C-alpha atoms as a PDB file:
ATOM      1  CA  UNK A   1     137.484 101.581  20.597  1.00  0.00           C
ATOM      2  CA  UNK A   2     133.681 101.691  20.485  1.00  0.00           C
ATOM      3  CA  UNK A   3     133.767 105.389  21.379  1.00  0.00           C
ATOM      4  CA  UNK A   4     136.167 106.110  18.497  1.00  0.00           C
ATOM      5  CA  UNK A   5     133.981 104.196  16.007  1.00  0.00           C
ATOM      6  CA  UNK A   6     130.910 106.075  17.190  1.00  0.00           C
ATOM      7  CA  UNK A   7     132.697 109.413  16.743  1.00  0.00           C
ATOM      8  CA  UNK A   8     133.785 108.461  13.228  1.00  0.00           C
ATOM      9  CA  UNK A   9     130.266 107.445  12.245  1.00  0.00           C
ATOM     10  CA  UNK A  10     128.777 110.668  13.638  1.00  0.00           C
ATOM     11  CA  UNK A  11     131.414 112.724  11.798  1.00  0.00           C
ATOM     12  CA  UNK A  12     130.704 110.857   8.581  1.00  0.00           C
ATOM     13  CA  UNK A  13     126.944 111.466   8.964  1.00  0.00           C
ATOM     14  CA  UNK A  14     127.520 115.193   9.504  1.00  0.00           C
ATOM     15  CA  UNK A  15     129.856 115.355   6.504  1.00  0.00           C
ATOM     16  CA  UNK A  16     127.304 113.598   4.297  1.00  0.00           C
ATOM     17  CA  UNK A  17     124.595 115.985   5.471  1.00  0.00           C
ATOM     18  CA  UNK A  18     126.749 119.037   4.756  1.00  0.00           C
ATOM     19  CA  UNK A  19     127.663 117.629   1.339  1.00  0.00           C
ATOM     20  CA  UNK A  20     123.984 117.165   0.556  1.00  0.00           C
ATOM     21  CA  UNK A  21     123.227 120.741   1.598  1.00  0.00           C
ATOM     22  CA  UNK A  22     126.095 122.110  -0.504  1.00  0.00           C
ATOM     23  CA  UNK A  23     124.901 120.110  -3.490  1.00  0.00           C
ATOM     24  CA  UNK A  24     121.371 121.405  -3.094  1.00  0.00           C
ATOM     25  CA  UNK A  25     122.595 125.004  -2.707  1.00  0.00           C
ATOM     26  CA  UNK A  26     124.763 124.667  -5.832  1.00  0.00           C
ATOM     27  CA  UNK A  27     121.832 123.314  -7.827  1.00  0.00           C
ATOM     28  CA  UNK A  28     119.596 126.156  -6.707  1.00  0.00           C
ATOM     29  CA  UNK A  29     122.194 128.820  -7.432  1.00  0.00           C
ATOM     30  CA  UNK A  30     122.847 127.435 -10.934  1.00  0.00           C
ATOM     31  CA  UNK A  31     119.140 127.464 -11.791  1.00  0.00           C
ATOM     32  CA  UNK A  32     117.805 130.892 -12.758  1.00  0.00           C
ATOM     33  CA  UNK A  33     114.183 129.734 -13.114  1.00  0.00           C
ATOM     34  CA  UNK A  34     113.863 127.896  -9.795  1.00  0.00           C
ATOM     35  CA  UNK A  35     111.518 129.618  -7.315  1.00  0.00           C
ATOM     36  CA  UNK A  36     112.802 130.844  -3.969  1.00  0.00           C
ATOM     37  CA  UNK A  37     112.472 128.134  -1.320  1.00  0.00           C
ATOM     38  CA  UNK A  38     110.130 128.893   1.556  1.00  0.00           C
ATOM     39  CA  UNK A  39     111.504 128.282   5.024  1.00  0.00           C
ATOM     40  CA  UNK A  40     108.861 126.047   6.587  1.00  0.00           C
ATOM     41  CA  UNK A  41     110.812 125.242   9.717  1.00  0.00           C
ATOM     42  CA  UNK A  42     108.942 125.672  12.975  1.00  0.00           C
ATOM     43  CA  UNK A  43     111.023 127.294  15.738  1.00  0.00           C
ATOM     44  CA  UNK A  44     111.793 124.813  18.507  1.00  0.00           C
ATOM     45  CA  UNK A  45     110.510 121.786  16.550  1.00  0.00           C
ATOM     46  CA  UNK A  46     112.992 118.914  16.570  1.00  0.00           C
ATOM     47  CA  UNK A  47     113.875 117.511  13.159  1.00  0.00           C
ATOM     48  CA  UNK A  48     114.620 113.855  12.471  1.00  0.00           C
ATOM     49  CA  UNK A  49     115.358 112.647   8.975  1.00  0.00           C
ATOM     50  CA  UNK A  50     116.585 109.205   7.893  1.00  0.00           C
ATOM     51  CA  UNK A  51     120.114 110.450   7.296  1.00  0.00           C
ATOM     52  CA  UNK A  52     120.291 111.798  10.869  1.00  0.00           C
ATOM     53  CA  UNK A  53     119.182 108.557  12.528  1.00  0.00           C
ATOM     54  CA  UNK A  54     122.562 106.773  12.390  1.00  0.00           C
ATOM     55  CA  UNK A  55     124.196 109.633  14.247  1.00  0.00           C
ATOM     56  CA  UNK A  56     121.511 109.406  16.965  1.00  0.00           C
ATOM     57  CA  UNK A  57     121.967 105.651  17.473  1.00  0.00           C
ATOM     58  CA  UNK A  58     124.464 104.112  19.902  1.00  0.00           C
ATOM     59  CA  UNK A  59     127.372 102.382  18.206  1.00  0.00           C
ATOM     60  CA  UNK A  60     126.695  98.687  17.663  1.00  0.00           C
ATOM     61  CA  UNK A  61     128.854  96.280  15.692  1.00  0.00           C
ATOM     62  CA  UNK A  62     127.206  92.855  15.449  1.00  0.00           C
ATOM     63  CA  UNK A  63     130.274  91.398  13.757  1.00  0.00           C
ATOM     64  CA  UNK A  64     132.242  91.879  16.979  1.00  0.00           C
ATOM     65  CA  UNK A  65     129.916  89.455  18.695  1.00  0.00           C
ATOM     66  CA  UNK A  66     130.406  86.687  16.137  1.00  0.00           C
ATOM     67  CA  UNK A  67     130.791  83.345  17.909  1.00  0.00           C
ATOM     68  CA  UNK A  68     131.887  80.260  16.060  1.00  0.00           C
ATOM     69  CA  UNK A  69     132.059  77.875  19.015  1.00  0.00           C
ATOM     70  CA  UNK A  70     129.483  78.659  21.672  1.00  0.00           C
ATOM     71  CA  UNK A  71     131.417  76.548  24.170  1.00  0.00           C
ATOM     72  CA  UNK A  72     134.604  78.477  23.594  1.00  0.00           C
ATOM     73  CA  UNK A  73     133.741  82.157  23.237  1.00  0.00           C
ATOM     74  CA  UNK A  74     136.607  84.300  22.025  1.00  0.00           C
ATOM     75  CA  UNK A  75     138.198  86.760  24.408  1.00  0.00           C
ATOM     76  CA  UNK A  76     137.939  89.466  21.716  1.00  0.00           C
ATOM     77  CA  UNK A  77     134.219  89.802  22.370  1.00  0.00           C
ATOM     78  CA  UNK A  78     133.494  93.208  23.999  1.00  0.00           C
ATOM     79  CA  UNK A  79     133.228  92.718  27.748  1.00  0.00           C
ATOM     80  CA  UNK A  80     132.562  94.736  30.915  1.00  0.00           C
ATOM     81  CA  UNK A  81     133.118  93.999  34.549  1.00  0.00           C
ATOM     82  CA  UNK A  82     130.374  93.564  37.151  1.00  0.00           C
ATOM     83  CA  UNK A  83     131.181  97.023  38.468  1.00  0.00           C
ATOM     84  CA  UNK A  84     130.911  98.504  34.984  1.00  0.00           C
ATOM     85  CA  UNK A  85     127.605  96.706  34.485  1.00  0.00           C
ATOM     86  CA  UNK A  86     126.175  97.978  37.761  1.00  0.00           C
ATOM     87  CA  UNK A  87     127.414 101.490  37.114  1.00  0.00           C
ATOM     88  CA  UNK A  88     126.154 101.518  33.520  1.00  0.00           C
ATOM     89  CA  UNK A  89     122.756 100.062  34.438  1.00  0.00           C
ATOM     90  CA  UNK A  90     122.331 102.674  37.145  1.00  0.00           C
ATOM     91  CA  UNK A  91     123.170 105.382  34.613  1.00  0.00           C
ATOM     92  CA  UNK A  92     120.754 103.983  32.051  1.00  0.00           C
ATOM     93  CA  UNK A  93     118.025 103.567  34.679  1.00  0.00           C
ATOM     94  CA  UNK A  94     118.549 107.160  35.819  1.00  0.00           C
ATOM     95  CA  UNK A  95     118.488 108.372  32.211  1.00  0.00           C
ATOM     96  CA  UNK A  96     115.307 106.379  31.594  1.00  0.00           C
ATOM     97  CA  UNK A  97     113.688 107.998  34.609  1.00  0.00           C
ATOM     98  CA  UNK A  98     114.844 111.401  33.351  1.00  0.00           C
ATOM     99  CA  UNK A  99     113.298 110.698  29.943  1.00  0.00           C
ATOM    100  CA  UNK A 100     110.069 109.578  31.608  1.00  0.00           C
ATOM    101  CA  UNK A 101     109.950 112.819  33.581  1.00  0.00           C
ATOM    102  CA  UNK A 102     110.723 114.782  30.431  1.00  0.00           C
ATOM    103  CA  UNK A 103     107.933 112.913  28.621  1.00  0.00           C
ATOM    104  CA  UNK A 104     105.540 113.632  31.487  1.00  0.00           C
ATOM    105  CA  UNK A 105     106.499 117.300  31.302  1.00  0.00           C
ATOM    106  CA  UNK A 106     105.852 117.282  27.555  1.00  0.00           C
ATOM    107  CA  UNK A 107     102.498 115.557  28.102  1.00  0.00           C
ATOM    108  CA  UNK A 108     101.602 118.222  30.644  1.00  0.00           C
ATOM    109  CA  UNK A 109     102.740 120.939  28.231  1.00  0.00           C
ATOM    110  CA  UNK A 110     100.619 119.392  25.465  1.00  0.00           C
ATOM    111  CA  UNK A 111      97.583 119.411  27.736  1.00  0.00           C
ATOM    112  CA  UNK A 112      98.428 122.992  28.713  1.00  0.00           C
ATOM    113  CA  UNK A 113      98.443 124.042  25.071  1.00  0.00           C
ATOM    114  CA  UNK A 114      95.140 122.197  24.568  1.00  0.00           C
ATOM    115  CA  UNK A 115      93.606 124.111  27.463  1.00  0.00           C
ATOM    116  CA  UNK A 116      95.133 127.363  26.161  1.00  0.00           C
ATOM    117  CA  UNK A 117      93.378 126.709  22.857  1.00  0.00           C
ATOM    118  CA  UNK A 118      90.084 125.997  24.637  1.00  0.00           C
ATOM    119  CA  UNK A 119      90.607 129.084  26.786  1.00  0.00           C
ATOM    120  CA  UNK A 120      91.118 131.191  23.656  1.00  0.00           C
ATOM    121  CA  UNK A 121      88.024 129.695  22.048  1.00  0.00           C
ATOM    122  CA  UNK A 122      86.016 130.428  25.195  1.00  0.00           C
ATOM    123  CA  UNK A 123      87.205 134.041  25.168  1.00  0.00           C
ATOM    124  CA  UNK A 124      86.322 134.266  21.470  1.00  0.00           C
ATOM    125  CA  UNK A 125      82.857 132.886  22.183  1.00  0.00           C
ATOM    126  CA  UNK A 126      82.478 135.396  25.006  1.00  0.00           C
ATOM    127  CA  UNK A 127      83.482 138.250  22.706  1.00  0.00           C
ATOM    128  CA  UNK A 128      80.936 137.066  20.123  1.00  0.00           C
ATOM    129  CA  UNK A 129      78.262 136.857  22.817  1.00  0.00           C
ATOM    130  CA  UNK A 130      79.154 140.348  24.049  1.00  0.00           C
ATOM    131  CA  UNK A 131      78.957 141.601  20.455  1.00  0.00           C
ATOM    132  CA  UNK A 132      75.490 140.106  20.007  1.00  0.00           C
ATOM    133  CA  UNK A 133      74.374 141.625  23.327  1.00  0.00           C
ATOM    134  CA  UNK A 134      75.571 145.048  22.200  1.00  0.00           C
ATOM    135  CA  UNK A 135      73.706 144.607  18.924  1.00  0.00           C
ATOM    136  CA  UNK A 136      70.490 143.812  20.808  1.00  0.00           C
ATOM    137  CA  UNK A 137      71.117 146.765  23.135  1.00  0.00           C
ATOM    138  CA  UNK A 138      71.595 148.998  20.112  1.00  0.00           C
ATOM    139  CA  UNK A 139      68.363 147.693  18.590  1.00  0.00           C
ATOM    140  CA  UNK A 140      66.559 148.411  21.873  1.00  0.00           C
ATOM    141  CA  UNK A 141      67.945 151.952  21.964  1.00  0.00           C
ATOM    142  CA  UNK A 142      66.836 152.405  18.354  1.00  0.00           C
ATOM    143  CA  UNK A 143      63.382 151.228  19.411  1.00  0.00           C
ATOM    144  CA  UNK A 144      63.236 153.714  22.297  1.00  0.00           C
ATOM    145  CA  UNK A 145      64.448 156.503  20.036  1.00  0.00           C
ATOM    146  CA  UNK A 146      61.856 155.663  17.403  1.00  0.00           C
ATOM    147  CA  UNK A 147      59.207 155.493  20.113  1.00  0.00           C
ATOM    148  CA  UNK A 148      60.062 159.047  21.163  1.00  0.00           C
ATOM    149  CA  UNK A 149      59.960 160.187  17.540  1.00  0.00           C
ATOM    150  CA  UNK A 150      56.519 158.599  17.190  1.00  0.00           C
ATOM    151  CA  UNK A 151      55.341 160.320  20.390  1.00  0.00           C
ATOM    152  CA  UNK A 152      56.621 163.650  19.105  1.00  0.00           C
ATOM    153  CA  UNK A 153      54.759 163.119  15.850  1.00  0.00           C
ATOM    154  CA  UNK A 154      51.599 162.309  17.849  1.00  0.00           C
ATOM    155  CA  UNK A 155      51.961 165.566  19.785  1.00  0.00           C
ATOM    156  CA  UNK A 156      52.529 167.447  16.535  1.00  0.00           C
ATOM    157  CA  UNK A 157      49.409 165.831  15.089  1.00  0.00           C
ATOM    158  CA  UNK A 158      47.325 166.877  18.106  1.00  0.00           C
ATOM    159  CA  UNK A 159      48.587 170.447  17.851  1.00  0.00           C
ATOM    160  CA  UNK A 160      47.888 170.542  14.126  1.00  0.00           C
ATOM    161  CA  UNK A 161      44.389 169.167  14.647  1.00  0.00           C
ATOM    162  CA  UNK A 162      43.615 171.834  17.275  1.00  0.00           C
ATOM    163  CA  UNK A 163      45.102 174.479  14.995  1.00  0.00           C
ATOM    164  CA  UNK A 164      42.905 173.241  12.168  1.00  0.00           C
ATOM    165  CA  UNK A 165      39.784 173.501  14.336  1.00  0.00           C
ATOM    166  CA  UNK A 166      40.828 176.932  15.556  1.00  0.00           C
ATOM    167  CA  UNK A 167      41.599 178.170  12.057  1.00  0.00           C
ATOM    168  CA  UNK A 168      38.254 176.790  10.864  1.00  0.00           C
ATOM    169  CA  UNK A 169      36.363 178.665  13.566  1.00  0.00           C
ATOM    170  CA  UNK A 170      38.340 181.804  12.872  1.00  0.00           C
ATOM    171  CA  UNK A 171      37.509 181.468   9.222  1.00  0.00           C
ATOM    172  CA  UNK A 172      33.807 181.205  10.022  1.00  0.00           C
ATOM    173  CA  UNK A 173      33.927 184.371  12.131  1.00  0.00           C
ATOM    174  CA  UNK A 174      36.119 186.090   9.557  1.00  0.00           C
ATOM    175  CA  UNK A 175      33.604 185.292   6.832  1.00  0.00           C
ATOM    176  CA  UNK A 176      30.745 186.582   8.994  1.00  0.00           C
ATOM    177  CA  UNK A 177      32.727 189.720   9.786  1.00  0.00           C
ATOM    178  CA  UNK A 178      33.416 190.293   6.102  1.00  0.00           C
ATOM    179  CA  UNK A 179      29.751 189.681   5.272  1.00  0.00           C
ATOM    180  CA  UNK A 180      28.714 192.239   7.892  1.00  0.00           C
ATOM    181  CA  UNK A 181      31.203 194.761   6.571  1.00  0.00           C
ATOM    182  CA  UNK A 182      29.900 194.165   3.071  1.00  0.00           C
ATOM    183  CA  UNK A 183      26.318 194.649   4.214  1.00  0.00           C
ATOM    184  CA  UNK A 184      27.254 197.793   6.063  1.00  0.00           C
ATOM    185  CA  UNK A 185      28.970 199.117   2.956  1.00  0.00           C
ATOM    186  CA  UNK A 186      25.899 198.329   0.910  1.00  0.00           C
ATOM    187  CA  UNK A 187      23.625 200.128   3.397  1.00  0.00           C
ATOM    188  CA  UNK A 188      25.955 203.093   3.522  1.00  0.00           C
ATOM    189  CA  UNK A 189      26.014 203.248  -0.235  1.00  0.00           C
ATOM    190  CA  UNK A 190      22.233 203.032  -0.354  1.00  0.00           C
ATOM    191  CA  UNK A 191      21.993 205.832   2.195  1.00  0.00           C
ATOM    192  CA  UNK A 192      24.339 207.981   0.164  1.00  0.00           C
ATOM    193  CA  UNK A 193      22.376 207.207  -2.968  1.00  0.00           C
ATOM    194  CA  UNK A 194      19.125 208.313  -1.298  1.00  0.00           C
ATOM    195  CA  UNK A 195      20.763 211.478  -0.042  1.00  0.00           C
ATOM    196  CA  UNK A 196      21.979 212.163  -3.555  1.00  0.00           C
ATOM    197  CA  UNK A 197      18.465 211.705  -4.907  1.00  0.00           C
ATOM    198  CA  UNK A 198      17.104 214.011  -2.217  1.00  0.00           C
ATOM    199  CA  UNK A 199      19.683 216.649  -3.008  1.00  0.00           C
ATOM    200  CA  UNK A 200      19.000 216.353  -6.713  1.00  0.00           C
ATOM    201  CA  UNK A 201      15.236 216.768  -6.037  1.00  0.00           C
ATOM    202  CA  UNK A 202      15.873 219.844  -4.012  1.00  0.00           C
ATOM    203  CA  UNK A 203      18.077 221.298  -6.745  1.00  0.00           C
ATOM    204  CA  UNK A 204      15.382 220.642  -9.358  1.00  0.00           C
ATOM    205  CA  UNK A 205      12.767 222.296  -7.193  1.00  0.00           C
ATOM    206  CA  UNK A 206      15.036 225.253  -6.590  1.00  0.00           C
ATOM    207  CA  UNK A 207      15.690 225.699 -10.261  1.00  0.00           C
ATOM    208  CA  UNK A 208      11.965 225.606 -11.002  1.00  0.00           C
ATOM    209  CA  UNK A 209      11.260 228.203  -8.369  1.00  0.00           C
ATOM    210  CA  UNK A 210      14.118 230.329  -9.642  1.00  0.00           C
ATOM    211  CA  UNK A 211      12.695 230.176 -13.170  1.00  0.00           C
ATOM    212  CA  UNK A 212       9.284 231.245 -11.985  1.00  0.00           C
ATOM    213  CA  UNK A 213      10.808 234.163 -10.135  1.00  0.00           C
ATOM    214  CA  UNK A 214      12.700 235.344 -13.184  1.00  0.00           C
ATOM    215  CA  UNK A 215       9.523 235.228 -15.253  1.00  0.00           C
ATOM    216  CA  UNK A 216       7.819 237.451 -12.754  1.00  0.00           C
ATOM    217  CA  UNK A 217      10.591 239.968 -12.901  1.00  0.00           C
ATOM    218  CA  UNK A 218      10.294 240.236 -16.629  1.00  0.00           C
END
């Protein structure tokens, strides 16, 4: 009898739940302005709501245990034999142990997930540390590269300084060479000028002599 009552109550709870869902679905479908509901259910997460609790409870009817005369209990009170009691208690004790083991497994799983989270955080911290190390390594390589560039500029400066000194000395000798060439040109021109004067003197003397000779012939 108790089993039948429990089945009826569970069926009634399921029917009420389905009726509530159908009512909610009808309300949503009839409303054109209502936003689309977001499914926030988490996979694997058990759900308990007040309307589901009665269906999860063992059947219990206090009115069946109503006693008017404690010295004369009615035979209609639910009863079990000693064998049923022993068997039922063993079942309940075994189920309790099973639930304890299940709870211990869930506790272990919870701790496992906690450690998984810490493990992930540790890996994340390691990745961040590795990233910072690579940044420092990159900065060091940039420093070495810049150091080589600076050394190359120093070598270029030394070469340019030597070239400047060399070009300066060459310029001094080039100026002296040009001055000597100029002086030589001046001397050569002076020599040519004197030769011209000498030739002109000789021509004048020749003309004078030629004039005297022509006078004699006359």
